[in-house]
Protein backbone atom coordinates (compact mmCIF):
# COMPACT_ATOMS: atom_id res chain seq x y z
CA UNK A 1 0.00 0.00 0.00
CA UNK A 2 1.37 3.40 -0.97
CA UNK A 3 1.41 6.20 1.58
CA UNK A 4 1.54 9.93 0.90
CA UNK A 5 2.96 12.72 3.02
CA UNK A 6 0.93 15.70 4.20
CA UNK A 7 2.77 17.86 1.66
CA UNK A 8 1.80 15.56 -1.21
CA UNK A 9 -1.84 15.47 -0.08
CA UNK A 10 -1.93 19.26 0.31
CA UNK A 11 -0.61 19.57 -3.23
CA UNK A 12 -3.31 17.24 -4.56
CA UNK A 13 -6.10 19.06 -2.70
CA UNK A 14 -4.65 22.53 -3.12
CA UNK A 15 -4.99 23.36 0.58
CA UNK A 16 -2.46 24.28 3.25
CA UNK A 17 -1.28 21.70 5.83
CA UNK A 18 -3.03 23.52 8.69
CA UNK A 19 -6.35 23.05 6.84
CA UNK A 20 -5.85 19.26 6.69
CA UNK A 21 -4.86 19.17 10.34
CA UNK A 22 -7.95 21.19 11.27
CA UNK A 23 -10.22 18.87 9.30
CA UNK A 24 -8.60 15.87 11.01
CA UNK A 25 -9.24 17.43 14.41
CA UNK A 26 -12.83 18.44 13.60
CA UNK A 27 -13.75 15.20 11.78
CA UNK A 28 -12.40 12.13 13.62
CA UNK A 29 -13.27 9.87 10.67
CA UNK A 30 -10.43 11.55 8.76
CA UNK A 31 -7.63 10.50 11.13
CA UNK A 32 -4.73 9.20 9.02
CA UNK A 33 -2.23 6.62 10.20
CA UNK A 34 0.93 7.93 11.82
CA UNK A 35 4.35 6.30 11.86
CA UNK A 36 6.54 5.84 14.95
CA UNK A 37 7.76 9.44 14.62
CA UNK A 38 4.22 10.88 14.47
CA UNK A 39 4.41 11.70 10.76
CA UNK A 40 1.04 11.47 9.06
CA UNK A 41 0.73 8.75 6.40
CA UNK A 42 -2.19 9.12 4.01
CA UNK A 43 -3.64 6.33 1.87
CA UNK A 44 -5.64 6.74 -1.35
CA UNK A 45 -8.75 6.12 0.71
CA UNK A 46 -7.79 8.94 3.11
CA UNK A 47 -7.19 11.25 0.17
CA UNK A 48 -10.59 10.37 -1.31
CA UNK A 49 -12.24 11.21 2.02
CA UNK A 50 -10.44 14.55 2.18
CA UNK A 51 -11.50 15.31 -1.39
CA UNK A 52 -15.07 14.55 -0.43
CA UNK A 53 -14.86 16.86 2.59
CA UNK A 54 -13.36 19.63 0.48
CA UNK A 55 -16.19 19.25 -2.03
CA UNK A 56 -18.83 19.34 0.71
CA UNK A 57 -17.27 22.43 2.29
CA UNK A 58 -16.31 24.46 -0.76
CA UNK A 59 -18.85 23.49 -3.43
CA UNK A 60 -21.85 22.30 -1.43
CA UNK A 61 -21.32 24.96 1.28
CA UNK A 62 -21.66 22.54 4.21
CA UNK A 63 -20.40 23.54 7.63
CA UNK A 64 -17.52 21.46 9.01
CA UNK A 65 -20.00 19.79 11.38
CA UNK A 66 -22.41 19.08 8.51
CA UNK A 67 -19.62 17.70 6.34
CA UNK A 68 -18.48 15.47 9.21
CA UNK A 69 -22.00 14.11 9.66
CA UNK A 70 -22.44 13.54 5.92
CA UNK A 71 -19.07 11.78 5.63
CA UNK A 72 -19.90 9.45 8.54
CA UNK A 73 -23.27 8.64 6.94
CA UNK A 74 -21.61 7.89 3.60
CA UNK A 75 -18.96 5.72 5.26
CA UNK A 76 -21.60 3.79 7.20
CA UNK A 77 -23.63 3.24 4.03
CA UNK A 78 -20.54 2.10 2.19
CA UNK A 79 -19.68 -0.31 4.99
CA UNK A 80 -23.22 -1.72 5.02
CA UNK A 81 -23.02 -2.26 1.24
CA UNK A 82 -19.69 -4.03 1.61
CA UNK A 83 -21.07 -6.31 4.33
CA UNK A 84 -24.07 -7.19 2.15
CA UNK A 85 -21.78 -7.90 -0.80
CA UNK A 86 -19.53 -10.13 1.32
CA UNK A 87 -22.56 -12.06 2.57
CA UNK A 88 -23.80 -12.56 -0.99
CA UNK A 89 -20.37 -13.80 -2.10
CA UNK A 90 -20.25 -16.15 0.90
CA UNK A 91 -23.64 -17.63 0.00
CA UNK A 92 -22.55 -18.13 -3.62
CA UNK A 93 -19.35 -19.85 -2.51
CA UNK A 94 -21.28 -22.16 -0.20
CA UNK A 95 -23.61 -23.10 -3.07
CA UNK A 96 -20.62 -23.81 -5.31
CA UNK A 97 -19.05 -25.94 -2.61
CA UNK A 98 -22.28 -27.91 -2.26
CA UNK A 99 -22.44 -28.39 -6.06
CA UNK A 100 -18.84 -29.61 -6.10
CA UNK A 101 -19.53 -32.06 -3.29
CA UNK A 102 -22.57 -33.44 -5.15
CA UNK A 103 -20.56 -33.71 -8.35
CA UNK A 104 -17.74 -35.49 -6.51
CA UNK A 105 -20.20 -37.96 -4.98
CA UNK A 106 -21.69 -38.70 -8.41
CA UNK A 107 -18.22 -39.26 -9.83
CA UNK A 108 -17.33 -41.63 -7.00
CA UNK A 109 -20.62 -43.49 -7.45
CA UNK A 110 -20.01 -43.92 -11.18
CA UNK A 111 -16.46 -45.13 -10.55
CA UNK A 112 -17.61 -47.77 -8.04
CA UNK A 113 -20.18 -49.29 -10.42
CA UNK A 114 -17.53 -50.71 -12.76
């Protein structure tokens, strides 16, 4: 996984470092990982979240509190969708496993009849 520095992220978002730090403080969902020296390490996912916040604040004219609430709602919805997708995949895999077991039993039965 690639990590980006605060300077790189600020360049991408065209904001100053103190703006990112303020957003992190005001919106706990934005907290990036930090290394052993306390340096912030941003992932693509973090950057996407910051872009979303910037859009909500600058284009949609949300307050910081409103943007935080909206981001949390979107993250929760995204997580719920991912859980539903994982459950669907699990069910499909279980069906495939059952089909394979039935096929294997038929193959064994045909081999024993010789």
